[in-house]
Amino acid sequence: MINYQASLENMTSKEIKEANRFMWGIKGMLIPIGYSTKDVHGVLQGYFKRLWCNCDPGQFDGFEEAWEQGKKIRLKKWEK
């Protein structure tokens, strides 16, 4: 289960993936590799609010494919 209230230190791969899904829903891209873990946590917290009631069913199209291609490097960098 995704913990939307996870602290910076307690983010798991599930929260990192969800933060990337939020970035995809708002900006159409995965979180850039240059982001710090703190930045990823900020996306998880802040973009949740931005997506609330933003109900375009196509806004996440292509996310799973992009995540599969980019998850290894992202999890290596951000997962504790």
PDB file of N, CA and C in Angstrom:
ATOM      1  N   MET A   1       0.841  -1.174   0.000  1.00  0.00           N
ATOM      2  CA  MET A   1       0.000   0.000   0.000  1.00  0.00           C
ATOM      3  C   MET A   1       0.893   1.247   0.000  1.00  0.00           C
ATOM      4  N   ILE A   2       0.489   2.233  -0.735  1.00  0.00           N
ATOM      5  CA  ILE A   2       1.239   3.484  -0.816  1.00  0.00           C
ATOM      6  C   ILE A   2       0.925   4.334   0.411  1.00  0.00           C
ATOM      7  N   ASN A   3       1.978   4.821   1.036  1.00  0.00           N
ATOM      8  CA  ASN A   3       1.825   5.686   2.203  1.00  0.00           C
ATOM      9  C   ASN A   3       2.049   7.130   1.754  1.00  0.00           C
ATOM     10  N   TYR A   4       0.959   7.846   1.544  1.00  0.00           N
ATOM     11  CA  TYR A   4       1.052   9.229   1.064  1.00  0.00           C
ATOM     12  C   TYR A   4       1.592  10.174   2.136  1.00  0.00           C
ATOM     13  N   GLN A   5       1.640   9.716   3.361  1.00  0.00           N
ATOM     14  CA  GLN A   5       2.181  10.519   4.462  1.00  0.00           C
ATOM     15  C   GLN A   5       3.590  10.065   4.858  1.00  0.00           C
ATOM     16  N   ALA A   6       4.215   9.240   4.035  1.00  0.00           N
ATOM     17  CA  ALA A   6       5.548   8.716   4.351  1.00  0.00           C
ATOM     18  C   ALA A   6       6.531   9.862   4.552  1.00  0.00           C
ATOM     19  N   SER A   7       7.369   9.701   5.551  1.00  0.00           N
ATOM     20  CA  SER A   7       8.423  10.690   5.772  1.00  0.00           C
ATOM     21  C   SER A   7       9.501  10.486   4.706  1.00  0.00           C
ATOM     22  N   LEU A   8      10.368  11.433   4.593  1.00  0.00           N
ATOM     23  CA  LEU A   8      11.481  11.356   3.649  1.00  0.00           C
ATOM     24  C   LEU A   8      12.265  10.071   3.867  1.00  0.00           C
ATOM     25  N   GLU A   9      12.527   9.722   5.108  1.00  0.00           N
ATOM     26  CA  GLU A   9      13.321   8.551   5.443  1.00  0.00           C
ATOM     27  C   GLU A   9      12.579   7.237   5.216  1.00  0.00           C
ATOM     28  N   ASN A  10      11.259   7.279   5.179  1.00  0.00           N
ATOM     29  CA  ASN A  10      10.471   6.055   5.082  1.00  0.00           C
ATOM     30  C   ASN A  10       9.860   5.813   3.703  1.00  0.00           C
ATOM     31  N   MET A  11      10.271   6.570   2.701  1.00  0.00           N
ATOM     32  CA  MET A  11       9.747   6.330   1.357  1.00  0.00           C
ATOM     33  C   MET A  11      10.281   5.000   0.824  1.00  0.00           C
ATOM     34  N   THR A  12       9.383   4.201   0.279  1.00  0.00           N
ATOM     35  CA  THR A  12       9.758   2.924  -0.325  1.00  0.00           C
ATOM     36  C   THR A  12       9.649   3.053  -1.849  1.00  0.00           C
ATOM     37  N   SER A  13       9.921   1.965  -2.540  1.00  0.00           N
ATOM     38  CA  SER A  13       9.790   1.968  -3.996  1.00  0.00           C
ATOM     39  C   SER A  13       8.365   2.301  -4.426  1.00  0.00           C
ATOM     40  N   LYS A  14       7.385   1.964  -3.610  1.00  0.00           N
ATOM     41  CA  LYS A  14       5.982   2.264  -3.941  1.00  0.00           C
ATOM     42  C   LYS A  14       5.732   3.771  -3.947  1.00  0.00           C
ATOM     43  N   GLU A  15       6.257   4.464  -2.953  1.00  0.00           N
ATOM     44  CA  GLU A  15       6.071   5.917  -2.895  1.00  0.00           C
ATOM     45  C   GLU A  15       6.869   6.612  -4.010  1.00  0.00           C
ATOM     46  N   ILE A  16       8.043   6.090  -4.308  1.00  0.00           N
ATOM     47  CA  ILE A  16       8.847   6.673  -5.387  1.00  0.00           C
ATOM     48  C   ILE A  16       8.133   6.507  -6.723  1.00  0.00           C
ATOM     49  N   LYS A  17       7.573   5.329  -6.954  1.00  0.00           N
ATOM     50  CA  LYS A  17       6.810   5.108  -8.193  1.00  0.00           C
ATOM     51  C   LYS A  17       5.607   6.046  -8.253  1.00  0.00           C
ATOM     52  N   GLU A  18       4.905   6.196  -7.131  1.00  0.00           N
ATOM     53  CA  GLU A  18       3.720   7.059  -7.112  1.00  0.00           C
ATOM     54  C   GLU A  18       4.103   8.515  -7.361  1.00  0.00           C
ATOM     55  N   ALA A  19       5.221   8.961  -6.805  1.00  0.00           N
ATOM     56  CA  ALA A  19       5.686  10.329  -7.068  1.00  0.00           C
ATOM     57  C   ALA A  19       5.966  10.500  -8.555  1.00  0.00           C
ATOM     58  N   ASN A  20       6.564   9.499  -9.182  1.00  0.00           N
ATOM     59  CA  ASN A  20       6.813   9.558 -10.623  1.00  0.00           C
ATOM     60  C   ASN A  20       5.506   9.556 -11.412  1.00  0.00           C
ATOM     61  N   ARG A  21       4.530   8.802 -10.944  1.00  0.00           N
ATOM     62  CA  ARG A  21       3.212   8.795 -11.610  1.00  0.00           C
ATOM     63  C   ARG A  21       2.557  10.168 -11.511  1.00  0.00           C
ATOM     64  N   PHE A  22       2.699  10.816 -10.346  1.00  0.00           N
ATOM     65  CA  PHE A  22       2.167  12.174 -10.191  1.00  0.00           C
ATOM     66  C   PHE A  22       2.845  13.139 -11.147  1.00  0.00           C
ATOM     67  N   MET A  23       4.179  13.066 -11.247  1.00  0.00           N
ATOM     68  CA  MET A  23       4.915  13.934 -12.170  1.00  0.00           C
ATOM     69  C   MET A  23       4.434  13.689 -13.598  1.00  0.00           C
ATOM     70  N   TRP A  24       4.225  12.415 -13.937  1.00  0.00           N
ATOM     71  CA  TRP A  24       3.739  12.067 -15.268  1.00  0.00           C
ATOM     72  C   TRP A  24       2.352  12.684 -15.513  1.00  0.00           C
ATOM     73  N   GLY A  25       1.485  12.612 -14.525  1.00  0.00           N
ATOM     74  CA  GLY A  25       0.135  13.148 -14.667  1.00  0.00           C
ATOM     75  C   GLY A  25       0.108  14.657 -14.828  1.00  0.00           C
ATOM     76  N   ILE A  26       1.062  15.367 -14.231  1.00  0.00           N
ATOM     77  CA  ILE A  26       1.109  16.831 -14.313  1.00  0.00           C
ATOM     78  C   ILE A  26       1.965  17.308 -15.487  1.00  0.00           C
ATOM     79  N   LYS A  27       3.157  16.726 -15.651  1.00  0.00           N
ATOM     80  CA  LYS A  27       4.110  17.236 -16.643  1.00  0.00           C
ATOM     81  C   LYS A  27       4.387  16.299 -17.810  1.00  0.00           C
ATOM     82  N   GLY A  28       3.855  15.073 -17.747  1.00  0.00           N
ATOM     83  CA  GLY A  28       4.050  14.136 -18.849  1.00  0.00           C
ATOM     84  C   GLY A  28       5.445  13.555 -18.933  1.00  0.00           C
ATOM     85  N   MET A  29       6.150  13.492 -17.794  1.00  0.00           N
ATOM     86  CA  MET A  29       7.496  12.914 -17.772  1.00  0.00           C
ATOM     87  C   MET A  29       7.762  12.313 -16.400  1.00  0.00           C
ATOM     88  N   LEU A  30       8.753  11.426 -16.350  1.00  0.00           N
ATOM     89  CA  LEU A  30       9.196  10.898 -15.067  1.00  0.00           C
ATOM     90  C   LEU A  30      10.011  11.967 -14.355  1.00  0.00           C
ATOM     91  N   ILE A  31      10.204  11.803 -13.057  1.00  0.00           N
ATOM     92  CA  ILE A  31      11.012  12.750 -12.294  1.00  0.00           C
ATOM     93  C   ILE A  31      12.443  12.706 -12.821  1.00  0.00           C
ATOM     94  N   PRO A  32      13.031  13.855 -13.114  1.00  0.00           N
ATOM     95  CA  PRO A  32      14.411  13.871 -13.620  1.00  0.00           C
ATOM     96  C   PRO A  32      15.390  13.251 -12.631  1.00  0.00           C
ATOM     97  N   ILE A  33      16.388  12.574 -13.156  1.00  0.00           N
ATOM     98  CA  ILE A  33      17.396  11.907 -12.338  1.00  0.00           C
ATOM     99  C   ILE A  33      18.120  12.893 -11.423  1.00  0.00           C
ATOM    100  N   GLY A  34      18.246  14.138 -11.809  1.00  0.00           N
ATOM    101  CA  GLY A  34      18.944  15.140 -11.015  1.00  0.00           C
ATOM    102  C   GLY A  34      18.232  15.549  -9.739  1.00  0.00           C
ATOM    103  N   TYR A  35      16.985  15.140  -9.561  1.00  0.00           N
ATOM    104  CA  TYR A  35      16.242  15.481  -8.346  1.00  0.00           C
ATOM    105  C   TYR A  35      16.842  14.737  -7.153  1.00  0.00           C
ATOM    106  N   SER A  36      16.838  15.375  -6.007  1.00  0.00           N
ATOM    107  CA  SER A  36      17.277  14.732  -4.766  1.00  0.00           C
ATOM    108  C   SER A  36      16.116  13.919  -4.196  1.00  0.00           C
ATOM    109  N   THR A  37      16.406  13.101  -3.201  1.00  0.00           N
ATOM    110  CA  THR A  37      15.357  12.351  -2.512  1.00  0.00           C
ATOM    111  C   THR A  37      14.355  13.311  -1.881  1.00  0.00           C
ATOM    112  N   LYS A  38      14.846  14.415  -1.369  1.00  0.00           N
ATOM    113  CA  LYS A  38      13.961  15.431  -0.786  1.00  0.00           C
ATOM    114  C   LYS A  38      13.017  15.999  -1.851  1.00  0.00           C
ATOM    115  N   ASP A  39      13.528  16.226  -3.059  1.00  0.00           N
ATOM    116  CA  ASP A  39      12.692  16.720  -4.157  1.00  0.00           C
ATOM    117  C   ASP A  39      11.603  15.699  -4.514  1.00  0.00           C
ATOM    118  N   VAL A  40      11.978  14.423  -4.557  1.00  0.00           N
ATOM    119  CA  VAL A  40      11.010  13.360  -4.874  1.00  0.00           C
ATOM    120  C   VAL A  40       9.914  13.334  -3.806  1.00  0.00           C
ATOM    121  N   HIS A  41      10.308  13.467  -2.553  1.00  0.00           N
ATOM    122  CA  HIS A  41       9.332  13.519  -1.461  1.00  0.00           C
ATOM    123  C   HIS A  41       8.409  14.725  -1.639  1.00  0.00           C
ATOM    124  N   GLY A  42       8.954  15.844  -2.056  1.00  0.00           N
ATOM    125  CA  GLY A  42       8.152  17.038  -2.307  1.00  0.00           C
ATOM    126  C   GLY A  42       7.142  16.832  -3.418  1.00  0.00           C
ATOM    127  N   VAL A  43       7.536  16.088  -4.452  1.00  0.00           N
ATOM    128  CA  VAL A  43       6.599  15.770  -5.537  1.00  0.00           C
ATOM    129  C   VAL A  43       5.457  14.914  -4.992  1.00  0.00           C
ATOM    130  N   LEU A  44       5.791  13.904  -4.198  1.00  0.00           N
ATOM    131  CA  LEU A  44       4.758  13.035  -3.626  1.00  0.00           C
ATOM    132  C   LEU A  44       3.760  13.845  -2.807  1.00  0.00           C
ATOM    133  N   GLN A  45       4.245  14.776  -2.023  1.00  0.00           N
ATOM    134  CA  GLN A  45       3.374  15.580  -1.160  1.00  0.00           C
ATOM    135  C   GLN A  45       2.628  16.666  -1.939  1.00  0.00           C
ATOM    136  N   GLY A  46       3.324  17.409  -2.773  1.00  0.00           N
ATOM    137  CA  GLY A  46       2.738  18.564  -3.444  1.00  0.00           C
ATOM    138  C   GLY A  46       1.881  18.238  -4.655  1.00  0.00           C
ATOM    139  N   TYR A  47       2.299  17.255  -5.439  1.00  0.00           N
ATOM    140  CA  TYR A  47       1.549  16.949  -6.648  1.00  0.00           C
ATOM    141  C   TYR A  47       0.257  16.210  -6.343  1.00  0.00           C
ATOM    142  N   PHE A  48       0.179  15.555  -5.192  1.00  0.00           N
ATOM    143  CA  PHE A  48      -1.079  14.928  -4.782  1.00  0.00           C
ATOM    144  C   PHE A  48      -2.178  15.986  -4.758  1.00  0.00           C
ATOM    145  N   LYS A  49      -1.862  17.134  -4.187  1.00  0.00           N
ATOM    146  CA  LYS A  49      -2.835  18.233  -4.114  1.00  0.00           C
ATOM    147  C   LYS A  49      -3.173  18.774  -5.493  1.00  0.00           C
ATOM    148  N   ARG A  50      -2.176  18.842  -6.367  1.00  0.00           N
ATOM    149  CA  ARG A  50      -2.410  19.354  -7.714  1.00  0.00           C
ATOM    150  C   ARG A  50      -3.292  18.429  -8.543  1.00  0.00           C
ATOM    151  N   LEU A  51      -3.203  17.129  -8.275  1.00  0.00           N
ATOM    152  CA  LEU A  51      -3.983  16.162  -9.048  1.00  0.00           C
ATOM    153  C   LEU A  51      -5.394  15.952  -8.510  1.00  0.00           C
ATOM    154  N   TRP A  52      -5.650  16.424  -7.301  1.00  0.00           N
ATOM    155  CA  TRP A  52      -6.972  16.238  -6.706  1.00  0.00           C
ATOM    156  C   TRP A  52      -8.026  16.849  -7.618  1.00  0.00           C
ATOM    157  N   CYS A  53      -9.005  16.071  -8.016  1.00  0.00           N
ATOM    158  CA  CYS A  53     -10.107  16.468  -8.908  1.00  0.00           C
ATOM    159  C   CYS A  53      -9.655  16.789 -10.327  1.00  0.00           C
ATOM    160  N   ASN A  54      -8.421  16.526 -10.664  1.00  0.00           N
ATOM    161  CA  ASN A  54      -7.943  16.663 -12.034  1.00  0.00           C
ATOM    162  C   ASN A  54      -8.154  15.301 -12.676  1.00  0.00           C
ATOM    163  N   CYS A  55      -9.314  15.096 -13.260  1.00  0.00           N
ATOM    164  CA  CYS A  55      -9.771  13.754 -13.616  1.00  0.00           C
ATOM    165  C   CYS A  55      -9.724  13.452 -15.111  1.00  0.00           C
ATOM    166  N   ASP A  56      -8.652  13.799 -15.789  1.00  0.00           N
ATOM    167  CA  ASP A  56      -8.500  13.445 -17.194  1.00  0.00           C
ATOM    168  C   ASP A  56      -8.053  11.985 -17.270  1.00  0.00           C
ATOM    169  N   PRO A  57      -8.897  11.109 -17.781  1.00  0.00           N
ATOM    170  CA  PRO A  57      -8.548   9.689 -17.766  1.00  0.00           C
ATOM    171  C   PRO A  57      -7.300   9.346 -18.584  1.00  0.00           C
ATOM    172  N   GLY A  58      -6.915  10.175 -19.517  1.00  0.00           N
ATOM    173  CA  GLY A  58      -5.750   9.883 -20.349  1.00  0.00           C
ATOM    174  C   GLY A  58      -4.442  10.456 -19.833  1.00  0.00           C
ATOM    175  N   GLN A  59      -4.475  11.139 -18.695  1.00  0.00           N
ATOM    176  CA  GLN A  59      -3.274  11.829 -18.240  1.00  0.00           C
ATOM    177  C   GLN A  59      -2.155  10.880 -17.806  1.00  0.00           C
ATOM    178  N   PHE A  60      -2.479   9.614 -17.560  1.00  0.00           N
ATOM    179  CA  PHE A  60      -1.452   8.656 -17.160  1.00  0.00           C
ATOM    180  C   PHE A  60      -1.089   7.671 -18.264  1.00  0.00           C
ATOM    181  N   ASP A  61      -1.617   7.901 -19.461  1.00  0.00           N
ATOM    182  CA  ASP A  61      -1.290   7.026 -20.582  1.00  0.00           C
ATOM    183  C   ASP A  61       0.216   7.016 -20.813  1.00  0.00           C
ATOM    184  N   GLY A  62       0.774   5.838 -20.934  1.00  0.00           N
ATOM    185  CA  GLY A  62       2.199   5.682 -21.209  1.00  0.00           C
ATOM    186  C   GLY A  62       3.074   5.629 -19.974  1.00  0.00           C
ATOM    187  N   PHE A  63       2.494   5.887 -18.794  1.00  0.00           N
ATOM    188  CA  PHE A  63       3.321   5.912 -17.586  1.00  0.00           C
ATOM    189  C   PHE A  63       3.972   4.568 -17.285  1.00  0.00           C
ATOM    190  N   GLU A  64       3.199   3.498 -17.292  1.00  0.00           N
ATOM    191  CA  GLU A  64       3.750   2.185 -16.912  1.00  0.00           C
ATOM    192  C   GLU A  64       4.913   1.786 -17.814  1.00  0.00           C
ATOM    193  N   GLU A  65       4.809   2.061 -19.099  1.00  0.00           N
ATOM    194  CA  GLU A  65       5.895   1.736 -20.021  1.00  0.00           C
ATOM    195  C   GLU A  65       7.137   2.578 -19.710  1.00  0.00           C
ATOM    196  N   ALA A  66       6.933   3.868 -19.475  1.00  0.00           N
ATOM    197  CA  ALA A  66       8.054   4.755 -19.150  1.00  0.00           C
ATOM    198  C   ALA A  66       8.693   4.349 -17.816  1.00  0.00           C
ATOM    199  N   TRP A  67       7.856   3.989 -16.837  1.00  0.00           N
ATOM    200  CA  TRP A  67       8.369   3.585 -15.530  1.00  0.00           C
ATOM    201  C   TRP A  67       9.219   2.319 -15.659  1.00  0.00           C
ATOM    202  N   GLU A  68       8.756   1.352 -16.419  1.00  0.00           N
ATOM    203  CA  GLU A  68       9.527   0.118 -16.598  1.00  0.00           C
ATOM    204  C   GLU A  68      10.901   0.409 -17.202  1.00  0.00           C
ATOM    205  N   GLN A  69      10.975   1.372 -18.096  1.00  0.00           N
ATOM    206  CA  GLN A  69      12.258   1.718 -18.720  1.00  0.00           C
ATOM    207  C   GLN A  69      13.159   2.505 -17.774  1.00  0.00           C
ATOM    208  N   GLY A  70      12.580   3.329 -16.912  1.00  0.00           N
ATOM    209  CA  GLY A  70      13.389   4.219 -16.101  1.00  0.00           C
ATOM    210  C   GLY A  70      13.477   3.900 -14.620  1.00  0.00           C
ATOM    211  N   LYS A  71      12.801   2.835 -14.162  1.00  0.00           N
ATOM    212  CA  LYS A  71      12.720   2.609 -12.723  1.00  0.00           C
ATOM    213  C   LYS A  71      14.030   2.159 -12.094  1.00  0.00           C
ATOM    214  N   LYS A  72      14.818   1.374 -12.790  1.00  0.00           N
ATOM    215  CA  LYS A  72      16.031   0.823 -12.186  1.00  0.00           C
ATOM    216  C   LYS A  72      16.971   1.923 -11.706  1.00  0.00           C
ATOM    217  N   ILE A  73      17.251   2.882 -12.555  1.00  0.00           N
ATOM    218  CA  ILE A  73      18.165   3.965 -12.185  1.00  0.00           C
ATOM    219  C   ILE A  73      17.558   4.870 -11.109  1.00  0.00           C
ATOM    220  N   ARG A  74      16.258   5.083 -11.175  1.00  0.00           N
ATOM    221  CA  ARG A  74      15.600   5.951 -10.195  1.00  0.00           C
ATOM    222  C   ARG A  74      15.540   5.304  -8.808  1.00  0.00           C
ATOM    223  N   LEU A  75      15.190   4.036  -8.761  1.00  0.00           N
ATOM    224  CA  LEU A  75      15.144   3.358  -7.466  1.00  0.00           C
ATOM    225  C   LEU A  75      16.543   3.243  -6.863  1.00  0.00           C
ATOM    226  N   LYS A  76      17.535   3.009  -7.701  1.00  0.00           N
ATOM    227  CA  LYS A  76      18.918   2.932  -7.198  1.00  0.00           C
ATOM    228  C   LYS A  76      19.332   4.248  -6.556  1.00  0.00           C
ATOM    229  N   LYS A  77      18.898   5.356  -7.131  1.00  0.00           N
ATOM    230  CA  LYS A  77      19.293   6.662  -6.611  1.00  0.00           C
ATOM    231  C   LYS A  77      18.496   7.063  -5.363  1.00  0.00           C
ATOM    232  N   TRP A  78      17.198   6.817  -5.354  1.00  0.00           N
ATOM    233  CA  TRP A  78      16.324   7.387  -4.320  1.00  0.00           C
ATOM    234  C   TRP A  78      15.870   6.432  -3.236  1.00  0.00           C
ATOM    235  N   GLU A  79      15.905   5.123  -3.483  1.00  0.00           N
ATOM    236  CA  GLU A  79      15.403   4.180  -2.474  1.00  0.00           C
ATOM    237  C   GLU A  79      16.444   3.976  -1.387  1.00  0.00           C
ATOM    238  N   LYS A  80      16.005   3.984  -0.147  1.00  0.00           N
ATOM    239  CA  LYS A  80      16.905   3.785   1.006  1.00  0.00           C
ATOM    240  C   LYS A  80      17.202   2.322   1.208  1.00  0.00           C
TER     241      LYS A  80
END
